[in-house]
Amino acid sequence: MNHMKYTEPYVPPTLTVDAVVFQLIDNVLSVLLIQRPNEPFKDNWALPGGYNAQGETTHDALQRIVLEKAGVDLDRDLDYLEQLYTFDTVARDPRGHAVSVTYMACGKEFNYGDGNAHAAIFPVDNLPDLAYDHKDIIAYAHDRLKAKLTYTNAVHAFLNTQFTLTELQTAYESIFGRPFDKRNFRKKFLGLDLIKETESFKREGAHRPARLYEFKSSTLESLSRSFD
């Protein structure tokens, strides 16, 4: 193992925060991006993020920055937020060593891009050229999201309070990017005991009305065994 010898004066790396905000739009997993107004990577798209000021927690910094740069209030508008990973590759920022504490968030419907905010939603499988290492960060977050859906009830962040089993399966298929067998999916998911029937129904096309379900808990719950 190499041990770096420090010389005076000590110069700490810059601390930044970034947000990977996912949303399902027309059954396509999409991510919130902002267009950078300044160098480096001027006019390129990037995750909403910025500097973590002294005296701020990373959560407080992220809340401030995403509201300012993308017009999204993380605490009010989104249904799920977790600290994802700390990206600390030395050369990830051309201005110098910057460490990014990155969060992943998920929401159903939220407004974005007010005032001077140049924000837009892009499908994760059709991203523009991105600044820094943000393409890799989005891929990492997508993998984490898929893993999360196999052992928690995190999919609730993408669904209405009441939903059909078809809507639930469609959300999974959109995030995993592959179809699930209807019979097996329903058998597996109902066996997890995360959702319950309601007395309500929803008409889906020409079919008979479908039963609506809801999650037993809207707070994050881990499963005793994996769904997948």
C-alpha atoms as a PDB file:
ATOM      1  CA  MET A   1       0.000   0.000   0.000  1.00  0.00           C
ATOM      2  CA  ASN A   2       1.298   3.447  -0.933  1.00  0.00           C
ATOM      3  CA  HIS A   3       1.238   6.024   1.846  1.00  0.00           C
ATOM      4  CA  MET A   4       1.137   9.592   0.601  1.00  0.00           C
ATOM      5  CA  LYS A   5       3.354  11.973   2.531  1.00  0.00           C
ATOM      6  CA  TYR A   6       1.647  15.275   3.238  1.00  0.00           C
ATOM      7  CA  THR A   7       3.538  18.517   3.030  1.00  0.00           C
ATOM      8  CA  GLU A   8       2.469  21.813   4.555  1.00  0.00           C
ATOM      9  CA  PRO A   9       0.223  23.572   4.012  1.00  0.00           C
ATOM     10  CA  TYR A  10      -2.572  21.013   3.962  1.00  0.00           C
ATOM     11  CA  VAL A  11      -5.022  21.708   1.106  1.00  0.00           C
ATOM     12  CA  PRO A  12      -8.298  19.796   1.456  1.00  0.00           C
ATOM     13  CA  PRO A  13     -10.233  18.636  -1.598  1.00  0.00           C
ATOM     14  CA  THR A  14     -13.332  20.588  -2.566  1.00  0.00           C
ATOM     15  CA  LEU A  15     -16.573  19.115  -1.235  1.00  0.00           C
ATOM     16  CA  THR A  16     -19.525  19.062  -3.616  1.00  0.00           C
ATOM     17  CA  VAL A  17     -22.966  17.467  -3.693  1.00  0.00           C
ATOM     18  CA  ASP A  18     -24.894  16.079  -6.668  1.00  0.00           C
ATOM     19  CA  ALA A  19     -28.408  14.699  -7.093  1.00  0.00           C
ATOM     20  CA  VAL A  20     -29.599  11.876  -9.349  1.00  0.00           C
ATOM     21  CA  VAL A  21     -33.352  12.521  -9.504  1.00  0.00           C
ATOM     22  CA  PHE A  22     -35.338   9.763 -11.242  1.00  0.00           C
ATOM     23  CA  GLN A  23     -38.883   9.985 -12.567  1.00  0.00           C
ATOM     24  CA  LEU A  24     -41.016   7.690 -14.720  1.00  0.00           C
ATOM     25  CA  ILE A  25     -42.411   9.610 -17.696  1.00  0.00           C
ATOM     26  CA  ASP A  26     -44.739   7.648 -19.975  1.00  0.00           C
ATOM     27  CA  ASN A  27     -43.218   4.464 -18.527  1.00  0.00           C
ATOM     28  CA  VAL A  28     -39.663   5.554 -19.352  1.00  0.00           C
ATOM     29  CA  LEU A  29     -37.122   5.931 -16.548  1.00  0.00           C
ATOM     30  CA  SER A  30     -35.801   9.472 -16.819  1.00  0.00           C
ATOM     31  CA  VAL A  31     -33.351  11.687 -14.938  1.00  0.00           C
ATOM     32  CA  LEU A  32     -33.286  15.404 -14.117  1.00  0.00           C
ATOM     33  CA  LEU A  33     -30.410  17.369 -15.674  1.00  0.00           C
ATOM     34  CA  ILE A  34     -29.354  21.013 -15.830  1.00  0.00           C
ATOM     35  CA  GLN A  35     -27.479  22.815 -18.593  1.00  0.00           C
ATOM     36  CA  ARG A  36     -24.246  24.286 -17.288  1.00  0.00           C
ATOM     37  CA  PRO A  37     -24.016  28.076 -17.763  1.00  0.00           C
ATOM     38  CA  ASN A  38     -20.274  28.271 -17.057  1.00  0.00           C
ATOM     39  CA  GLU A  39     -16.980  26.530 -17.722  1.00  0.00           C
ATOM     40  CA  PRO A  40     -15.880  23.829 -17.310  1.00  0.00           C
ATOM     41  CA  PHE A  41     -18.259  21.951 -19.629  1.00  0.00           C
ATOM     42  CA  LYS A  42     -20.214  25.126 -20.498  1.00  0.00           C
ATOM     43  CA  ASP A  43     -23.559  24.314 -22.198  1.00  0.00           C
ATOM     44  CA  ASN A  44     -23.186  20.595 -21.454  1.00  0.00           C
ATOM     45  CA  TRP A  45     -25.829  18.862 -19.403  1.00  0.00           C
ATOM     46  CA  ALA A  46     -25.049  17.742 -15.870  1.00  0.00           C
ATOM     47  CA  LEU A  47     -26.611  16.511 -12.659  1.00  0.00           C
ATOM     48  CA  PRO A  48     -27.832  19.344 -10.453  1.00  0.00           C
ATOM     49  CA  GLY A  49     -25.076  19.934  -7.921  1.00  0.00           C
ATOM     50  CA  GLY A  50     -22.629  22.406  -6.467  1.00  0.00           C
ATOM     51  CA  TYR A  51     -20.359  23.328  -3.596  1.00  0.00           C
ATOM     52  CA  ASN A  52     -21.100  22.278  -0.031  1.00  0.00           C
ATOM     53  CA  ALA A  53     -20.579  25.423   2.052  1.00  0.00           C
ATOM     54  CA  GLN A  54     -18.992  25.377   5.490  1.00  0.00           C
ATOM     55  CA  GLY A  55     -21.648  24.972   8.169  1.00  0.00           C
ATOM     56  CA  GLU A  56     -24.023  23.049   5.877  1.00  0.00           C
ATOM     57  CA  THR A  57     -24.760  19.347   5.987  1.00  0.00           C
ATOM     58  CA  THR A  58     -24.600  17.630   2.601  1.00  0.00           C
ATOM     59  CA  HIS A  59     -28.399  17.256   2.715  1.00  0.00           C
ATOM     60  CA  ASP A  60     -28.927  20.972   3.402  1.00  0.00           C
ATOM     61  CA  ALA A  61     -26.499  21.911   0.639  1.00  0.00           C
ATOM     62  CA  LEU A  62     -28.242  19.601  -1.818  1.00  0.00           C
ATOM     63  CA  GLN A  63     -31.686  20.932  -0.882  1.00  0.00           C
ATOM     64  CA  ARG A  64     -30.497  24.516  -1.481  1.00  0.00           C
ATOM     65  CA  ILE A  65     -28.660  23.780  -4.738  1.00  0.00           C
ATOM     66  CA  VAL A  66     -31.317  21.628  -6.437  1.00  0.00           C
ATOM     67  CA  LEU A  67     -34.005  24.193  -5.602  1.00  0.00           C
ATOM     68  CA  GLU A  68     -31.843  27.010  -6.943  1.00  0.00           C
ATOM     69  CA  LYS A  69     -30.524  25.268 -10.073  1.00  0.00           C
ATOM     70  CA  ALA A  70     -33.408  22.982 -11.063  1.00  0.00           C
ATOM     71  CA  GLY A  71     -36.441  24.419  -9.294  1.00  0.00           C
ATOM     72  CA  VAL A  72     -37.114  21.174  -7.399  1.00  0.00           C
ATOM     73  CA  ASP A  73     -37.688  21.037  -3.651  1.00  0.00           C
ATOM     74  CA  LEU A  74     -36.223  17.669  -2.636  1.00  0.00           C
ATOM     75  CA  ASP A  75     -38.027  17.485   0.687  1.00  0.00           C
ATOM     76  CA  ARG A  76     -41.416  18.616  -0.623  1.00  0.00           C
ATOM     77  CA  ASP A  77     -41.576  17.291  -4.188  1.00  0.00           C
ATOM     78  CA  LEU A  78     -39.921  13.878  -3.976  1.00  0.00           C
ATOM     79  CA  ASP A  79     -40.995  10.648  -2.323  1.00  0.00           C
ATOM     80  CA  TYR A  80     -37.631   8.996  -1.800  1.00  0.00           C
ATOM     81  CA  LEU A  81     -34.130  10.288  -1.049  1.00  0.00           C
ATOM     82  CA  GLU A  82     -31.003   8.435   0.017  1.00  0.00           C
ATOM     83  CA  GLN A  83     -27.298   9.128   0.103  1.00  0.00           C
ATOM     84  CA  LEU A  84     -25.942   7.091  -2.793  1.00  0.00           C
ATOM     85  CA  TYR A  85     -22.145   7.158  -2.846  1.00  0.00           C
ATOM     86  CA  THR A  86     -19.099   9.371  -2.466  1.00  0.00           C
ATOM     87  CA  PHE A  87     -17.288   9.793  -5.783  1.00  0.00           C
ATOM     88  CA  ASP A  88     -13.702  10.848  -5.123  1.00  0.00           C
ATOM     89  CA  THR A  89     -11.649  10.079  -8.233  1.00  0.00           C
ATOM     90  CA  VAL A  90      -8.836  12.615  -8.086  1.00  0.00           C
ATOM     91  CA  ALA A  91      -9.135  13.761 -11.711  1.00  0.00           C
ATOM     92  CA  ARG A  92     -12.945  13.958 -12.000  1.00  0.00           C
ATOM     93  CA  ASP A  93     -12.968  17.801 -12.038  1.00  0.00           C
ATOM     94  CA  PRO A  94     -10.510  19.724 -14.260  1.00  0.00           C
ATOM     95  CA  ARG A  95     -10.410  22.547 -11.685  1.00  0.00           C
ATOM     96  CA  GLY A  96      -8.872  20.308  -9.044  1.00  0.00           C
ATOM     97  CA  HIS A  97      -9.615  17.485  -6.632  1.00  0.00           C
ATOM     98  CA  ALA A  98     -13.371  17.551  -5.913  1.00  0.00           C
ATOM     99  CA  VAL A  99     -15.187  14.958  -3.813  1.00  0.00           C
ATOM    100  CA  SER A 100     -18.899  14.537  -4.612  1.00  0.00           C
ATOM    101  CA  VAL A 101     -21.357  13.206  -2.060  1.00  0.00           C
ATOM    102  CA  THR A 102     -24.126  12.046  -4.378  1.00  0.00           C
ATOM    103  CA  TYR A 103     -27.753  11.430  -3.462  1.00  0.00           C
ATOM    104  CA  MET A 104     -30.422   9.470  -5.338  1.00  0.00           C
ATOM    105  CA  ALA A 105     -34.019  10.686  -5.298  1.00  0.00           C
ATOM    106  CA  CYS A 106     -37.244   9.426  -6.876  1.00  0.00           C
ATOM    107  CA  GLY A 107     -40.568  11.128  -7.427  1.00  0.00           C
ATOM    108  CA  LYS A 108     -43.862  10.814  -9.256  1.00  0.00           C
ATOM    109  CA  GLU A 109     -44.805  14.219 -10.623  1.00  0.00           C
ATOM    110  CA  PHE A 110     -42.786  17.319  -9.848  1.00  0.00           C
ATOM    111  CA  ASN A 111     -42.288  20.670 -11.497  1.00  0.00           C
ATOM    112  CA  TYR A 112     -38.805  21.735 -12.463  1.00  0.00           C
ATOM    113  CA  GLY A 113     -36.980  24.547 -14.212  1.00  0.00           C
ATOM    114  CA  ASP A 114     -38.436  27.807 -12.921  1.00  0.00           C
ATOM    115  CA  GLY A 115     -36.870  31.261 -13.182  1.00  0.00           C
ATOM    116  CA  ASN A 116     -33.321  31.021 -14.532  1.00  0.00           C
ATOM    117  CA  ALA A 117     -33.066  27.272 -14.104  1.00  0.00           C
ATOM    118  CA  HIS A 118     -32.151  25.482 -17.347  1.00  0.00           C
ATOM    119  CA  ALA A 119     -33.463  22.073 -16.377  1.00  0.00           C
ATOM    120  CA  ALA A 120     -34.888  19.175 -18.369  1.00  0.00           C
ATOM    121  CA  ILE A 121     -35.733  15.489 -17.999  1.00  0.00           C
ATOM    122  CA  PHE A 122     -33.938  12.943 -20.201  1.00  0.00           C
ATOM    123  CA  PRO A 123     -34.486   9.169 -20.606  1.00  0.00           C
ATOM    124  CA  VAL A 124     -31.633   7.303 -18.927  1.00  0.00           C
ATOM    125  CA  ASP A 125     -31.048   5.281 -22.096  1.00  0.00           C
ATOM    126  CA  ASN A 126     -30.845   8.390 -24.309  1.00  0.00           C
ATOM    127  CA  LEU A 127     -28.680  10.887 -22.433  1.00  0.00           C
ATOM    128  CA  PRO A 128     -26.930  13.894 -24.000  1.00  0.00           C
ATOM    129  CA  ASP A 129     -23.185  14.467 -23.605  1.00  0.00           C
ATOM    130  CA  LEU A 130     -22.669  14.938 -19.876  1.00  0.00           C
ATOM    131  CA  ALA A 131     -20.182  16.921 -17.830  1.00  0.00           C
ATOM    132  CA  TYR A 132     -17.627  15.378 -15.478  1.00  0.00           C
ATOM    133  CA  ASP A 133     -18.250  11.688 -14.655  1.00  0.00           C
ATOM    134  CA  HIS A 134     -22.006  12.150 -14.469  1.00  0.00           C
ATOM    135  CA  LYS A 135     -22.803   9.457 -17.043  1.00  0.00           C
ATOM    136  CA  ASP A 136     -21.074   6.905 -14.812  1.00  0.00           C
ATOM    137  CA  ILE A 137     -22.829   8.283 -11.725  1.00  0.00           C
ATOM    138  CA  ILE A 138     -26.250   7.920 -13.376  1.00  0.00           C
ATOM    139  CA  ALA A 139     -25.430   4.331 -14.389  1.00  0.00           C
ATOM    140  CA  TYR A 140     -24.341   3.588 -10.819  1.00  0.00           C
ATOM    141  CA  ALA A 141     -27.569   5.098  -9.450  1.00  0.00           C
ATOM    142  CA  HIS A 142     -29.686   3.121 -11.921  1.00  0.00           C
ATOM    143  CA  ASP A 143     -28.039  -0.115 -10.761  1.00  0.00           C
ATOM    144  CA  ARG A 144     -28.643   0.858  -7.134  1.00  0.00           C
ATOM    145  CA  LEU A 145     -32.286   1.627  -7.896  1.00  0.00           C
ATOM    146  CA  LYS A 146     -32.797  -1.782  -9.514  1.00  0.00           C
ATOM    147  CA  ALA A 147     -31.156  -3.467  -6.530  1.00  0.00           C
ATOM    148  CA  LYS A 148     -33.309  -1.415  -4.147  1.00  0.00           C
ATOM    149  CA  LEU A 149     -36.464  -2.605  -5.884  1.00  0.00           C
ATOM    150  CA  THR A 150     -35.533  -6.239  -5.327  1.00  0.00           C
ATOM    151  CA  TYR A 151     -35.467  -5.978  -1.530  1.00  0.00           C
ATOM    152  CA  THR A 152     -37.497  -2.908  -0.496  1.00  0.00           C
ATOM    153  CA  ASN A 153     -40.795  -1.181  -1.209  1.00  0.00           C
ATOM    154  CA  ALA A 154     -38.980   1.775  -2.865  1.00  0.00           C
ATOM    155  CA  VAL A 155     -41.129   1.473  -6.008  1.00  0.00           C
ATOM    156  CA  HIS A 156     -43.860   3.294  -4.063  1.00  0.00           C
ATOM    157  CA  ALA A 157     -42.049   6.549  -4.945  1.00  0.00           C
ATOM    158  CA  PHE A 158     -43.089   6.129  -8.598  1.00  0.00           C
ATOM    159  CA  LEU A 159     -46.721   5.118  -8.056  1.00  0.00           C
ATOM    160  CA  ASN A 160     -49.913   6.818  -7.001  1.00  0.00           C
ATOM    161  CA  THR A 161     -51.165   5.999  -3.515  1.00  0.00           C
ATOM    162  CA  GLN A 162     -53.513   3.444  -5.085  1.00  0.00           C
ATOM    163  CA  PHE A 163     -52.452   1.453  -8.139  1.00  0.00           C
ATOM    164  CA  THR A 164     -53.273  -1.659 -10.135  1.00  0.00           C
ATOM    165  CA  LEU A 165     -50.983  -4.674 -10.321  1.00  0.00           C
ATOM    166  CA  THR A 166     -50.470  -3.850 -14.003  1.00  0.00           C
ATOM    167  CA  GLU A 167     -49.217  -0.370 -13.072  1.00  0.00           C
ATOM    168  CA  LEU A 168     -46.910  -1.902 -10.466  1.00  0.00           C
ATOM    169  CA  GLN A 169     -45.474  -4.396 -12.980  1.00  0.00           C
ATOM    170  CA  THR A 170     -45.069  -1.661 -15.615  1.00  0.00           C
ATOM    171  CA  ALA A 171     -43.030   0.422 -13.151  1.00  0.00           C
ATOM    172  CA  TYR A 172     -40.712  -2.534 -12.514  1.00  0.00           C
ATOM    173  CA  GLU A 173     -40.365  -3.253 -16.235  1.00  0.00           C
ATOM    174  CA  SER A 174     -39.592   0.400 -16.975  1.00  0.00           C
ATOM    175  CA  ILE A 175     -36.838   0.541 -14.356  1.00  0.00           C
ATOM    176  CA  PHE A 176     -35.334  -2.881 -15.124  1.00  0.00           C
ATOM    177  CA  GLY A 177     -35.631  -2.400 -18.877  1.00  0.00           C
ATOM    178  CA  ARG A 178     -37.074  -5.866 -19.473  1.00  0.00           C
ATOM    179  CA  PRO A 179     -40.459  -7.611 -19.327  1.00  0.00           C
ATOM    180  CA  PHE A 180     -41.597  -9.739 -16.397  1.00  0.00           C
ATOM    181  CA  ASP A 181     -43.880 -12.742 -16.700  1.00  0.00           C
ATOM    182  CA  LYS A 182     -47.245 -11.527 -15.423  1.00  0.00           C
ATOM    183  CA  ARG A 183     -48.159 -14.616 -13.425  1.00  0.00           C
ATOM    184  CA  ASN A 184     -44.744 -15.018 -11.801  1.00  0.00           C
ATOM    185  CA  PHE A 185     -44.446 -11.310 -11.054  1.00  0.00           C
ATOM    186  CA  ARG A 186     -47.785 -11.172  -9.257  1.00  0.00           C
ATOM    187  CA  LYS A 187     -47.152 -14.361  -7.342  1.00  0.00           C
ATOM    188  CA  LYS A 188     -43.725 -13.152  -6.180  1.00  0.00           C
ATOM    189  CA  PHE A 189     -44.799  -9.636  -5.289  1.00  0.00           C
ATOM    190  CA  LEU A 190     -47.980 -10.591  -3.463  1.00  0.00           C
ATOM    191  CA  GLY A 191     -45.885 -13.093  -1.506  1.00  0.00           C
ATOM    192  CA  LEU A 192     -43.792 -10.243  -0.106  1.00  0.00           C
ATOM    193  CA  ASP A 193     -46.767  -8.940   1.897  1.00  0.00           C
ATOM    194  CA  LEU A 194     -45.976  -5.293   1.099  1.00  0.00           C
ATOM    195  CA  ILE A 195     -49.321  -4.293  -0.420  1.00  0.00           C
ATOM    196  CA  LYS A 196     -52.959  -4.762   0.408  1.00  0.00           C
ATOM    197  CA  GLU A 197     -56.187  -4.753  -1.580  1.00  0.00           C
ATOM    198  CA  THR A 198     -58.470  -1.732  -1.426  1.00  0.00           C
ATOM    199  CA  GLU A 199     -62.199  -1.673  -2.072  1.00  0.00           C
ATOM    200  CA  SER A 200     -61.653   0.418  -5.208  1.00  0.00           C
ATOM    201  CA  PHE A 201     -61.341  -0.552  -8.863  1.00  0.00           C
ATOM    202  CA  LYS A 202     -59.976   1.116 -12.007  1.00  0.00           C
ATOM    203  CA  ARG A 203     -61.075   0.484 -15.565  1.00  0.00           C
ATOM    204  CA  GLU A 204     -58.107  -0.304 -17.827  1.00  0.00           C
ATOM    205  CA  GLY A 205     -59.066  -0.137 -21.494  1.00  0.00           C
ATOM    206  CA  ALA A 206     -61.773  -2.554 -22.583  1.00  0.00           C
ATOM    207  CA  HIS A 207     -60.972  -5.016 -19.810  1.00  0.00           C
ATOM    208  CA  ARG A 208     -63.037  -5.475 -16.707  1.00  0.00           C
ATOM    209  CA  PRO A 209     -62.162  -3.070 -13.870  1.00  0.00           C
ATOM    210  CA  ALA A 210     -58.912  -3.915 -12.088  1.00  0.00           C
ATOM    211  CA  ARG A 211     -58.539  -4.024  -8.330  1.00  0.00           C
ATOM    212  CA  LEU A 212     -56.582  -1.146  -6.799  1.00  0.00           C
ATOM    213  CA  TYR A 213     -53.881  -1.857  -4.209  1.00  0.00           C
ATOM    214  CA  GLU A 214     -51.880   0.280  -1.820  1.00  0.00           C
ATOM    215  CA  PHE A 215     -48.666  -0.183   0.135  1.00  0.00           C
ATOM    216  CA  LYS A 216     -49.050  -1.112   3.780  1.00  0.00           C
ATOM    217  CA  SER A 217     -46.318   1.400   4.598  1.00  0.00           C
ATOM    218  CA  SER A 218     -44.998   4.425   2.684  1.00  0.00           C
ATOM    219  CA  THR A 219     -41.779   4.465   4.700  1.00  0.00           C
ATOM    220  CA  LEU A 220     -38.908   2.395   3.371  1.00  0.00           C
ATOM    221  CA  GLU A 221     -39.191  -1.261   4.331  1.00  0.00           C
ATOM    222  CA  SER A 222     -36.633  -3.962   3.658  1.00  0.00           C
ATOM    223  CA  LEU A 223     -37.774  -7.458   2.761  1.00  0.00           C
ATOM    224  CA  SER A 224     -36.806 -10.631   4.511  1.00  0.00           C
ATOM    225  CA  ARG A 225     -35.957 -12.124   1.115  1.00  0.00           C
ATOM    226  CA  SER A 226     -35.222 -10.804  -2.340  1.00  0.00           C
ATOM    227  CA  PHE A 227     -38.026 -10.313  -4.830  1.00  0.00           C
ATOM    228  CA  ASP A 228     -35.912 -11.150  -7.876  1.00  0.00           C
END
